[in-house]
């Protein structure tokens, strides 16, 4: 797994930096892929978990788990295709939710101050987080994070363009995600 990990562009760029303070990987970063792969392996064998779903930035970690499971089962590429589904592991990735500047929205990006658990973030704080969403992000997030009909999102887009001071789109986003 180490050669595959070191071949990734994200890892190469970190290893090739000239600044000794920012180059290289911490032990945590280095071992994360291995730990996540083993975690999927454990879930597969002990809890009948056959699918791991994650953000697109987790593709390498997810495929490492799929490969570990298949190797421990003694499967090669062709026998995986031919085997019954009870002996297969699958990985699925979804596009990351990003800001208009392309920065991913998530705890590892350091820009999320809200959690889905009410002990970590009160419903009021959660509502406020999305109410304060920038105009440049709100329409995309309405489309991705709510089940509002396209016609409603289009109406909110028009309202945002005509009267951004009303923050109708942000109110709809916060209300739909909090309730």
Protein backbone atom coordinates (compact mmCIF):
# COMPACT_ATOMS: atom_id res chain seq x y z
CA UNK A 1 0.00 0.00 0.00
CA UNK A 2 2.88 2.41 0.67
CA UNK A 3 3.99 2.69 -3.01
CA UNK A 4 0.39 3.39 -4.08
CA UNK A 5 0.02 5.96 -1.33
CA UNK A 6 3.27 7.70 -2.24
CA UNK A 7 2.26 7.79 -5.92
CA UNK A 8 -0.79 9.95 -5.21
CA UNK A 9 -0.45 13.58 -6.29
CA UNK A 10 -1.65 14.89 -2.93
CA UNK A 11 1.05 12.92 -1.10
CA UNK A 12 3.77 13.67 -3.69
CA UNK A 13 3.17 17.39 -3.41
CA UNK A 14 3.52 17.24 0.39
CA UNK A 15 6.73 15.18 0.16
CA UNK A 16 8.25 17.47 -2.48
CA UNK A 17 7.79 20.76 -0.61
CA UNK A 18 11.03 22.50 0.18
CA UNK A 19 9.94 23.96 3.51
CA UNK A 20 10.85 21.41 6.22
CA UNK A 21 8.02 22.69 8.43
CA UNK A 22 5.31 21.88 5.89
CA UNK A 23 6.82 18.99 3.95
CA UNK A 24 6.28 15.33 4.72
CA UNK A 25 3.48 13.55 6.51
CA UNK A 26 2.69 13.10 10.14
CA UNK A 27 2.26 9.55 11.44
CA UNK A 28 -1.47 10.20 11.67
CA UNK A 29 -1.68 11.26 8.03
CA UNK A 30 0.50 8.35 6.92
CA UNK A 31 -1.45 5.71 8.84
CA UNK A 32 -4.94 7.08 8.19
CA UNK A 33 -5.46 5.16 4.94
CA UNK A 34 -4.31 1.93 6.56
CA UNK A 35 -6.56 2.42 9.59
CA UNK A 36 -9.59 3.26 7.46
CA UNK A 37 -8.92 0.22 5.26
CA UNK A 38 -8.73 -2.03 8.33
CA UNK A 39 -11.89 -0.43 9.72
CA UNK A 40 -13.83 -1.37 6.55
CA UNK A 41 -12.27 -4.86 6.70
CA UNK A 42 -13.48 -5.26 10.30
CA UNK A 43 -16.99 -4.01 9.47
CA UNK A 44 -17.18 -6.36 6.47
CA UNK A 45 -16.14 -9.47 8.40
CA UNK A 46 -17.82 -8.76 11.74
CA UNK A 47 -20.91 -6.72 10.87
CA UNK A 48 -21.79 -7.76 7.31
CA UNK A 49 -21.05 -4.26 5.97
CA UNK A 50 -20.43 -4.47 2.22
CA UNK A 51 -20.55 -0.82 1.14
CA UNK A 52 -18.46 2.10 2.33
CA UNK A 53 -19.64 5.55 1.30
CA UNK A 54 -17.57 8.70 1.58
CA UNK A 55 -16.63 12.01 0.04
CA UNK A 56 -14.69 12.01 -3.21
CA UNK A 57 -11.54 12.95 -1.27
CA UNK A 58 -11.79 9.54 0.45
CA UNK A 59 -11.54 7.47 -2.76
CA UNK A 60 -8.03 6.19 -2.03
CA UNK A 61 -8.94 5.22 1.53
CA UNK A 62 -12.11 3.44 0.43
CA UNK A 63 -10.40 1.51 -2.36
CA UNK A 64 -7.67 0.50 0.08
CA UNK A 65 -10.36 -1.10 2.24
CA UNK A 66 -12.00 -2.85 -0.72
CA UNK A 67 -8.60 -4.22 -1.82
CA UNK A 68 -7.76 -5.41 1.71
CA UNK A 69 -11.08 -7.25 1.99
CA UNK A 70 -10.68 -8.91 -1.40
CA UNK A 71 -7.09 -9.91 -0.67
CA UNK A 72 -8.02 -11.47 2.66
CA UNK A 73 -10.70 -13.44 0.84
CA UNK A 74 -8.10 -14.63 -1.69
CA UNK A 75 -9.87 -12.90 -4.57
CA UNK A 76 -8.29 -11.59 -7.74
CA UNK A 77 -9.97 -9.13 -10.13
CA UNK A 78 -11.78 -11.79 -12.17
CA UNK A 79 -12.92 -13.90 -9.24
CA UNK A 80 -14.40 -10.78 -7.62
CA UNK A 81 -16.59 -10.20 -10.67
CA UNK A 82 -17.64 -13.85 -10.74
CA UNK A 83 -18.26 -14.29 -7.00
CA UNK A 84 -21.59 -13.93 -5.27
CA UNK A 85 -22.35 -10.56 -3.72
CA UNK A 86 -22.01 -11.84 -0.16
CA UNK A 87 -18.26 -12.03 -0.80
CA UNK A 88 -17.91 -8.59 -2.39
CA UNK A 89 -17.08 -5.19 -0.96
CA UNK A 90 -17.99 -1.95 -2.68
CA UNK A 91 -16.98 1.67 -2.36
CA UNK A 92 -19.04 4.69 -3.33
CA UNK A 93 -17.93 8.31 -3.29
CA UNK A 94 -20.01 11.44 -3.54
CA UNK A 95 -18.93 14.93 -4.58
CA UNK A 96 -17.83 17.10 -1.70
CA UNK A 97 -19.96 20.02 -0.62
CA UNK A 98 -17.81 23.05 -1.33
CA UNK A 99 -17.98 26.79 -0.97
CA UNK A 100 -18.03 29.06 -4.01
CA UNK A 101 -14.25 29.36 -3.68
CA UNK A 102 -13.85 25.59 -3.99
CA UNK A 103 -12.98 25.01 -0.33
CA UNK A 104 -14.56 21.84 1.00
CA UNK A 105 -17.11 22.20 3.72
CA UNK A 106 -16.24 19.88 6.53
CA UNK A 107 -14.61 19.45 9.89
CA UNK A 108 -11.25 18.52 8.37
CA UNK A 109 -11.25 21.80 6.41
CA UNK A 110 -11.52 23.68 9.69
CA UNK A 111 -14.39 25.86 8.46
CA UNK A 112 -17.37 24.14 10.05
CA UNK A 113 -18.58 25.38 13.37
CA UNK A 114 -21.67 23.22 13.46
CA UNK A 115 -22.24 19.55 14.11
CA UNK A 116 -25.30 17.39 13.51
CA UNK A 117 -25.54 16.40 17.17
CA UNK A 118 -27.42 18.83 19.44
CA UNK A 119 -24.87 18.36 22.26
CA UNK A 120 -22.16 19.70 19.95
CA UNK A 121 -24.22 22.43 18.27
CA UNK A 122 -27.56 23.66 19.54
CA UNK A 123 -30.42 23.88 17.04
CA UNK A 124 -30.18 27.67 17.34
CA UNK A 125 -26.46 27.67 16.44
CA UNK A 126 -27.11 25.23 13.58
CA UNK A 127 -29.85 27.49 12.22
CA UNK A 128 -27.62 30.56 12.55
CA UNK A 129 -24.76 28.85 10.73
CA UNK A 130 -26.87 28.36 7.61
CA UNK A 131 -28.71 31.67 7.99
CA UNK A 132 -25.29 33.34 7.73
CA UNK A 133 -24.40 31.42 4.57
CA UNK A 134 -22.84 33.71 1.93
CA UNK A 135 -24.96 34.73 -1.04
CA UNK A 136 -22.43 33.00 -3.30
CA UNK A 137 -23.10 29.60 -1.68
CA UNK A 138 -26.75 29.57 -0.70
CA UNK A 139 -28.35 28.51 -4.01
CA UNK A 140 -25.92 25.63 -4.50
CA UNK A 141 -26.47 24.45 -0.93
CA UNK A 142 -30.26 24.71 -1.32
CA UNK A 143 -29.99 22.44 -4.36
CA UNK A 144 -27.65 19.95 -2.67
CA UNK A 145 -28.88 19.84 0.90
CA UNK A 146 -32.65 20.24 0.69
CA UNK A 147 -35.44 18.49 -1.15
CA UNK A 148 -36.99 21.74 -2.34
CA UNK A 149 -38.44 21.57 -5.85
CA UNK A 150 -36.31 23.21 -8.55
CA UNK A 151 -39.04 25.81 -9.07
CA UNK A 152 -38.73 26.90 -5.40
CA UNK A 153 -34.95 27.13 -5.67
CA UNK A 154 -35.34 29.18 -8.85
CA UNK A 155 -37.75 31.53 -7.06
CA UNK A 156 -35.27 31.90 -4.19
CA UNK A 157 -32.49 32.59 -6.70
CA UNK A 158 -34.58 35.38 -8.24
CA UNK A 159 -35.31 36.80 -4.78
CA UNK A 160 -31.61 36.73 -3.94
CA UNK A 161 -30.74 38.60 -7.13
CA UNK A 162 -33.45 41.25 -6.66
CA UNK A 163 -33.42 41.63 -2.86
CA UNK A 164 -30.30 40.09 -1.29
CA UNK A 165 -30.96 42.11 1.87
CA UNK A 166 -34.07 40.02 2.61
CA UNK A 167 -31.94 36.85 2.89
CA UNK A 168 -34.95 34.76 1.88
CA UNK A 169 -32.75 32.02 0.39
CA UNK A 170 -30.64 31.77 3.55
CA UNK A 171 -33.77 31.65 5.72
CA UNK A 172 -35.18 28.84 3.58
CA UNK A 173 -31.88 26.92 3.76
CA UNK A 174 -31.60 27.28 7.54
CA UNK A 175 -35.27 26.41 8.09
CA UNK A 176 -35.24 23.31 5.88
CA UNK A 177 -32.01 21.96 7.36
CA UNK A 178 -32.94 22.65 10.98
CA UNK A 179 -36.53 21.43 11.02
